[in-house]
Amino acid sequence: MEYFVQQVINGVTLGSIYGLIAIGYTMVYGIIGMINFAHGDIFMIGAFTALIAFLVLVAVGVSVVPLALLLVLLVAMALTALYGWAVECIAYRPLRNSTRLAPLISAIGMSIVLQNFVQVAQGARVKPLPPLVHGGYTLFEGNDFAVRLSNIQIIIVAATFALMVGFSLLVARTRLGRNMRACEQDLKMAALVGIDVDRTISLTFVLGAALAAVAGLMFLLYYGVVDFFIGFLAGVKAFTAAVLGGIGSLPGALLGGLVLGLVESFWAAYADAAYKDVAAYAISRDFKLQLALNNAFGKDYETAWYFNQPGRNYMLTLRYQPAQ
């Protein structure tokens, strides 16, 4: 029982990081209907920016950890937001009126560019960071095993839920949120009624990148290492979480991330840890789970199966719309 509870804690912590990245995916998809496959590498940029900012602060004599972390967070969010804005301007805006495949290819190309840029600029070796947040709580003990809840795990989970609630309120109750929802419904009609579509889309990318920077800092503090390739794997998993929870729904993206984190944690603990990524991707194809999560947040669900026979190809599409 103690080991099970510890894996729940670990899974919720990991899922919170995936959820933060997935929220950025779902925000961009909700407004322009396209997947920003460079978002995982924006997360990686945020982690590296946080690491560099912390080293600079230590070099100039800022040694108070809470103050240093606050300054690192602000710097990482600001600089990573600029990267998000640049991705939108370079990879998406020129192709907004083209076929749906062109921006997808452009985003994948931008992902490769960011990966190689960081690899060349920072090197391919893993960059470590000593633990900054110490301490924790022993919840209970039994069978020579103690269930621990560390302070960094509390910070990660609390920050994730606070940001999810904050961004949900932003989308629901602010002028920018109304503009986002209008652009999600119809870009042309939103422009006709006076909404600055370019500015709204750019701000959506900026906000999503800022969230990715927070996730990058949390990843850095939790694991203590970063490299240029973490963005690809985390980005694919976060995209899986967004799809699992109903892409376009902020709470759904977070819930999908939590499910993915728990699956990984339990698989690594009770099965073969080498196949935890396989288990995480396999759960995304669970139709009943996707249907339940999408229905919980009122999202449409669509899936497709492909059948190939000599000379013929078939596609069976199933679409579900929850009752209003």
Protein backbone atom coordinates (compact mmCIF):
# COMPACT_ATOMS: atom_id res chain seq x y z
CA MET A 1 0.00 0.00 0.00
CA GLU A 2 2.81 2.41 0.87
CA TYR A 3 4.56 1.79 -2.44
CA PHE A 4 1.29 2.33 -4.30
CA VAL A 5 0.68 5.70 -2.63
CA GLN A 6 4.25 6.80 -3.42
CA GLN A 7 3.69 6.02 -7.10
CA VAL A 8 0.47 8.04 -7.05
CA ILE A 9 2.43 11.03 -5.72
CA ASN A 10 5.16 10.57 -8.33
CA GLY A 11 2.62 10.13 -11.12
CA VAL A 12 0.64 13.24 -10.20
CA THR A 13 3.87 15.26 -10.11
CA LEU A 14 5.00 14.02 -13.52
CA GLY A 15 1.49 14.42 -14.93
CA SER A 16 1.37 18.02 -13.73
CA ILE A 17 4.42 18.83 -15.85
CA TYR A 18 2.86 17.10 -18.87
CA GLY A 19 -0.38 18.95 -18.19
CA LEU A 20 1.31 22.36 -18.24
CA ILE A 21 2.83 21.63 -21.64
CA ALA A 22 -0.44 20.15 -22.91
CA ILE A 23 -2.33 23.33 -22.00
CA GLY A 24 -0.08 25.23 -24.41
CA TYR A 25 -0.86 22.71 -27.14
CA THR A 26 -4.59 22.91 -26.57
CA MET A 27 -4.64 26.72 -26.49
CA VAL A 28 -3.00 26.97 -29.91
CA TYR A 29 -5.19 24.22 -31.36
CA GLY A 30 -8.31 25.82 -29.96
CA ILE A 31 -7.68 29.13 -31.70
CA ILE A 32 -6.26 28.13 -35.10
CA GLY A 33 -7.08 24.41 -35.27
CA MET A 34 -3.45 23.37 -35.80
CA ILE A 35 -0.93 21.51 -33.68
CA ASN A 36 2.22 23.42 -32.77
CA PHE A 37 4.75 20.60 -32.92
CA ALA A 38 7.51 23.02 -31.94
CA HIS A 39 5.88 23.51 -28.54
CA GLY A 40 7.89 20.70 -26.93
CA ASP A 41 11.09 22.41 -27.98
CA ILE A 42 9.79 25.70 -26.58
CA PHE A 43 9.53 23.79 -23.28
CA MET A 44 13.17 22.73 -23.73
CA ILE A 45 14.18 26.33 -24.43
CA GLY A 46 12.43 27.36 -21.21
CA ALA A 47 14.39 24.79 -19.21
CA PHE A 48 17.72 25.92 -20.66
CA THR A 49 16.83 29.59 -20.17
CA ALA A 50 16.01 28.89 -16.53
CA LEU A 51 19.33 27.10 -16.05
CA ILE A 52 21.34 29.91 -17.66
CA ALA A 53 19.44 32.58 -15.72
CA PHE A 54 20.12 30.81 -12.43
CA LEU A 55 23.85 30.51 -13.20
CA VAL A 56 24.00 34.21 -14.08
CA LEU A 57 22.23 35.17 -10.83
CA VAL A 58 24.65 33.05 -8.80
CA ALA A 59 27.57 34.69 -10.64
CA VAL A 60 26.36 38.18 -9.72
CA GLY A 61 25.84 37.24 -6.08
CA VAL A 62 22.11 36.47 -5.77
CA SER A 63 22.20 33.54 -3.35
CA VAL A 64 18.77 33.72 -1.69
CA VAL A 65 16.97 30.75 -3.22
CA PRO A 66 13.35 32.07 -3.18
CA LEU A 67 14.43 35.38 -4.74
CA ALA A 68 16.61 33.60 -7.30
CA LEU A 69 13.80 31.23 -8.27
CA LEU A 70 11.35 34.11 -8.70
CA LEU A 71 13.77 36.03 -10.90
CA VAL A 72 14.59 32.88 -12.88
CA LEU A 73 10.89 32.23 -13.43
CA LEU A 74 10.24 35.76 -14.69
CA VAL A 75 13.26 35.75 -17.00
CA ALA A 76 12.48 32.29 -18.36
CA MET A 77 8.84 33.17 -19.04
CA ALA A 78 9.76 36.44 -20.77
CA LEU A 79 12.47 35.01 -23.02
CA THR A 80 10.58 31.82 -23.83
CA ALA A 81 7.51 33.88 -24.69
CA LEU A 82 9.65 35.68 -27.28
CA TYR A 83 10.55 32.32 -28.80
CA GLY A 84 6.86 31.42 -28.92
CA TRP A 85 6.06 34.69 -30.66
CA ALA A 86 8.90 34.08 -33.14
CA VAL A 87 7.59 30.59 -33.94
CA GLU A 88 4.16 32.04 -34.71
CA CYS A 89 5.58 34.81 -36.90
CA ILE A 90 7.98 32.57 -38.82
CA ALA A 91 6.32 29.18 -38.99
CA TYR A 92 2.57 29.88 -38.84
CA ARG A 93 1.54 33.40 -39.85
CA PRO A 94 2.89 33.28 -43.44
CA LEU A 95 1.09 29.94 -43.97
CA ARG A 96 -2.18 30.71 -42.23
CA ASN A 97 -4.23 30.69 -45.44
CA SER A 98 -2.44 27.76 -47.04
CA THR A 99 -3.33 24.07 -46.86
CA ARG A 100 -3.43 22.49 -43.41
CA LEU A 101 -0.38 20.35 -44.17
CA ALA A 102 1.97 23.28 -44.83
CA PRO A 103 1.96 24.76 -41.29
CA LEU A 104 2.39 21.26 -39.87
CA ILE A 105 5.54 20.71 -41.93
CA SER A 106 6.75 24.20 -41.03
CA ALA A 107 6.26 23.53 -37.30
CA ILE A 108 8.19 20.24 -37.52
CA GLY A 109 10.97 22.11 -39.31
CA MET A 110 10.99 24.77 -36.59
CA SER A 111 11.25 22.00 -33.99
CA ILE A 112 14.34 20.60 -35.71
CA VAL A 113 15.86 24.09 -35.96
CA LEU A 114 15.37 24.75 -32.24
CA GLN A 115 16.81 21.36 -31.28
CA ASN A 116 19.92 21.86 -33.37
CA PHE A 117 20.28 25.49 -32.29
CA VAL A 118 20.43 24.46 -28.62
CA GLN A 119 22.69 21.51 -29.40
CA VAL A 120 25.18 23.79 -31.15
CA ALA A 121 24.90 26.64 -28.64
CA GLN A 122 24.95 24.59 -25.43
CA GLY A 123 26.49 21.30 -26.48
CA ALA A 124 25.00 17.83 -26.61
CA ARG A 125 26.03 16.81 -23.08
CA VAL A 126 23.55 16.74 -20.21
CA LYS A 127 23.55 19.92 -18.12
CA PRO A 128 23.13 19.29 -14.37
CA LEU A 129 21.77 21.56 -11.67
CA PRO A 130 22.23 20.84 -7.95
CA PRO A 131 19.05 20.52 -5.86
CA LEU A 132 17.68 23.92 -4.87
CA VAL A 133 14.45 23.04 -3.08
CA HIS A 134 15.09 20.73 -0.14
CA GLY A 135 12.94 19.10 2.47
CA GLY A 136 9.63 17.33 2.53
CA TYR A 137 7.22 15.36 4.65
CA THR A 138 6.97 11.72 5.59
CA LEU A 139 3.27 10.93 5.29
CA PHE A 140 3.40 7.45 6.82
CA GLU A 141 5.64 4.42 7.06
CA GLY A 142 5.10 0.69 6.83
CA ASN A 143 6.84 -2.49 5.70
CA ASP A 144 10.22 -0.72 5.80
CA PHE A 145 9.00 1.85 3.26
CA ALA A 146 8.28 5.53 3.93
CA VAL A 147 5.88 7.52 1.79
CA ARG A 148 7.53 10.88 1.11
CA LEU A 149 6.08 14.10 -0.27
CA SER A 150 8.86 16.53 -1.13
CA ASN A 151 8.52 20.29 -1.17
CA ILE A 152 9.32 20.46 -4.89
CA GLN A 153 6.47 18.04 -5.60
CA ILE A 154 4.09 20.26 -3.63
CA ILE A 155 5.29 23.32 -5.56
CA ILE A 156 4.88 21.60 -8.95
CA VAL A 157 1.35 20.35 -8.29
CA ALA A 158 0.17 23.58 -6.65
CA ALA A 159 1.64 25.76 -9.41
CA THR A 160 0.10 23.59 -12.12
CA PHE A 161 -3.42 23.70 -10.70
CA ALA A 162 -3.15 27.43 -9.94
CA LEU A 163 -2.05 28.18 -13.51
CA MET A 164 -4.78 25.98 -14.97
CA VAL A 165 -7.43 27.81 -12.93
CA GLY A 166 -5.91 31.19 -13.82
CA PHE A 167 -5.81 30.50 -17.54
CA SER A 168 -9.32 29.05 -17.49
CA LEU A 169 -10.55 32.29 -15.91
CA LEU A 170 -8.56 34.30 -18.43
CA VAL A 171 -10.23 32.49 -21.33
CA ALA A 172 -13.69 32.67 -19.77
CA ARG A 173 -13.83 36.18 -18.28
CA THR A 174 -11.39 38.55 -19.95
CA ARG A 175 -11.50 40.46 -23.20
CA LEU A 176 -8.53 38.51 -24.52
CA GLY A 177 -10.36 35.30 -23.67
CA ARG A 178 -13.46 36.47 -25.55
CA ASN A 179 -11.28 37.30 -28.53
CA MET A 180 -9.73 33.83 -28.35
CA ARG A 181 -13.11 32.16 -28.28
CA ALA A 182 -14.32 34.29 -31.18
CA CYS A 183 -11.26 33.37 -33.25
CA GLU A 184 -11.85 29.72 -32.37
CA GLN A 185 -15.37 29.94 -33.79
CA ASP A 186 -14.55 31.80 -37.00
CA LEU A 187 -11.40 33.76 -37.82
CA LYS A 188 -12.96 35.72 -40.67
CA MET A 189 -16.03 36.72 -38.70
CA ALA A 190 -13.88 37.70 -35.73
CA ALA A 191 -11.88 40.02 -37.99
CA LEU A 192 -15.09 41.50 -39.42
CA VAL A 193 -16.36 42.49 -35.96
CA GLY A 194 -13.14 44.33 -35.16
CA ILE A 195 -10.98 41.75 -33.39
CA ASP A 196 -7.27 41.96 -34.16
CA VAL A 197 -6.84 38.33 -35.21
CA ASP A 198 -3.06 38.51 -35.66
CA ARG A 199 -2.58 40.01 -32.20
CA THR A 200 -4.90 37.47 -30.57
CA ILE A 201 -3.13 34.51 -32.17
CA SER A 202 0.29 35.91 -31.30
CA LEU A 203 -0.73 36.41 -27.67
CA THR A 204 -2.01 32.84 -27.56
CA PHE A 205 1.39 31.57 -28.68
CA VAL A 206 3.09 33.87 -26.17
CA LEU A 207 0.93 32.62 -23.28
CA GLY A 208 1.42 28.99 -24.29
CA ALA A 209 5.20 29.53 -24.44
CA ALA A 210 5.17 31.17 -21.01
CA LEU A 211 3.41 28.11 -19.60
CA ALA A 212 6.01 25.91 -21.27
CA ALA A 213 8.71 27.96 -19.54
CA VAL A 214 7.09 27.27 -16.17
CA ALA A 215 7.00 23.56 -17.03
CA GLY A 216 10.65 23.73 -18.08
CA LEU A 217 11.66 25.28 -14.76
CA MET A 218 9.66 22.67 -12.84
CA PHE A 219 11.29 19.89 -14.86
CA LEU A 220 14.74 21.34 -14.15
CA LEU A 221 14.09 21.62 -10.41
CA TYR A 222 12.54 18.14 -10.20
CA TYR A 223 15.04 16.13 -12.24
CA GLY A 224 18.12 18.35 -11.98
CA VAL A 225 19.27 17.72 -15.57
CA VAL A 226 18.41 19.05 -19.02
CA ASP A 227 19.58 18.33 -22.54
CA PHE A 228 18.61 19.44 -26.03
CA PHE A 229 16.40 16.37 -26.65
CA ILE A 230 14.01 16.61 -23.69
CA GLY A 231 11.62 18.76 -25.69
CA PHE A 232 10.85 16.11 -28.28
CA LEU A 233 9.86 13.36 -25.86
CA ALA A 234 8.00 15.64 -23.44
CA GLY A 235 6.29 17.39 -26.34
CA VAL A 236 4.99 14.16 -27.87
CA LYS A 237 3.72 12.99 -24.48
CA ALA A 238 2.06 16.34 -23.79
CA PHE A 239 0.39 16.20 -27.20
CA THR A 240 -0.84 12.72 -26.32
CA ALA A 241 -2.19 14.10 -23.04
CA ALA A 242 -3.97 16.94 -24.85
CA VAL A 243 -5.62 14.51 -27.28
CA LEU A 244 -6.50 12.13 -24.47
CA GLY A 245 -8.24 14.85 -22.44
CA GLY A 246 -10.00 16.44 -25.41
CA ILE A 247 -7.81 18.86 -27.32
CA GLY A 248 -9.27 22.33 -26.97
CA SER A 249 -10.18 21.89 -23.29
CA LEU A 250 -7.78 23.32 -20.68
CA PRO A 251 -8.99 21.14 -17.78
CA GLY A 252 -9.07 18.17 -20.14
CA ALA A 253 -5.42 18.75 -21.11
CA LEU A 254 -4.41 18.77 -17.45
CA LEU A 255 -6.45 15.66 -16.70
CA GLY A 256 -4.92 13.90 -19.70
CA GLY A 257 -1.46 14.81 -18.41
CA LEU A 258 -2.29 13.39 -14.98
CA VAL A 259 -3.54 10.14 -16.50
CA LEU A 260 -0.39 9.86 -18.60
CA GLY A 261 1.87 10.57 -15.63
CA LEU A 262 0.12 7.97 -13.49
CA VAL A 263 0.35 5.34 -16.24
CA GLU A 264 4.09 5.98 -16.62
CA SER A 265 4.70 5.92 -12.89
CA PHE A 266 2.80 2.69 -12.26
CA TRP A 267 4.25 0.95 -15.29
CA ALA A 268 7.80 1.85 -14.25
CA ALA A 269 7.10 0.66 -10.70
CA TYR A 270 5.21 -2.59 -11.32
CA ALA A 271 6.30 -3.62 -14.82
CA ASP A 272 9.32 -3.00 -17.02
CA ALA A 273 10.52 0.61 -16.72
CA ALA A 274 12.11 0.38 -20.18
CA TYR A 275 8.61 0.22 -21.71
CA LYS A 276 6.93 3.01 -19.74
CA ASP A 277 6.87 5.27 -22.80
CA VAL A 278 5.20 2.52 -24.84
CA ALA A 279 2.54 2.15 -22.16
CA ALA A 280 1.95 5.89 -22.10
CA TYR A 281 1.39 6.02 -25.87
CA ALA A 282 -0.72 2.87 -25.88
CA ILE A 283 -3.19 4.36 -23.39
CA SER A 284 -3.85 7.21 -25.83
CA ARG A 285 -5.53 4.72 -28.17
CA ASP A 286 -7.96 3.54 -25.48
CA PHE A 287 -11.26 4.54 -27.06
CA LYS A 288 -13.36 4.18 -23.91
CA LEU A 289 -10.98 6.33 -21.85
CA GLN A 290 -10.85 9.05 -24.50
CA LEU A 291 -14.63 8.98 -24.76
CA ALA A 292 -15.03 9.34 -20.99
CA LEU A 293 -12.56 12.23 -20.70
CA ASN A 294 -13.98 14.07 -23.72
CA ASN A 295 -17.53 13.65 -22.43
CA ALA A 296 -16.47 14.94 -19.00
CA PHE A 297 -15.44 18.26 -20.55
CA GLY A 298 -18.08 18.47 -23.27
CA LYS A 299 -15.71 17.98 -26.20
CA ASP A 300 -16.43 16.29 -29.50
CA TYR A 301 -14.56 13.06 -30.08
CA GLU A 302 -13.52 11.60 -33.39
CA THR A 303 -11.39 8.59 -34.18
CA ALA A 304 -10.62 6.69 -37.35
CA TRP A 305 -9.51 3.21 -38.35
CA TYR A 306 -7.82 2.45 -41.66
CA PHE A 307 -8.15 -0.84 -43.56
CA ASN A 308 -5.99 -1.75 -46.51
CA GLN A 309 -6.80 -4.35 -49.14
CA PRO A 310 -5.16 -4.92 -52.51
CA GLY A 311 -6.22 -2.05 -54.71
CA ARG A 312 -8.55 -0.46 -52.11
CA ASN A 313 -8.24 1.62 -48.95
CA TYR A 314 -11.04 2.03 -46.43
CA MET A 315 -11.44 4.47 -43.57
CA LEU A 316 -14.05 4.06 -40.82
CA THR A 317 -14.65 7.25 -38.86
CA LEU A 318 -16.54 7.38 -35.57
CA ARG A 319 -17.63 10.75 -34.27
CA TYR A 320 -19.24 11.36 -30.89
CA GLN A 321 -20.86 14.60 -29.76
CA PRO A 322 -21.84 14.86 -26.08
CA ALA A 323 -25.35 15.93 -25.27
CA GLN A 324 -25.76 19.65 -24.73
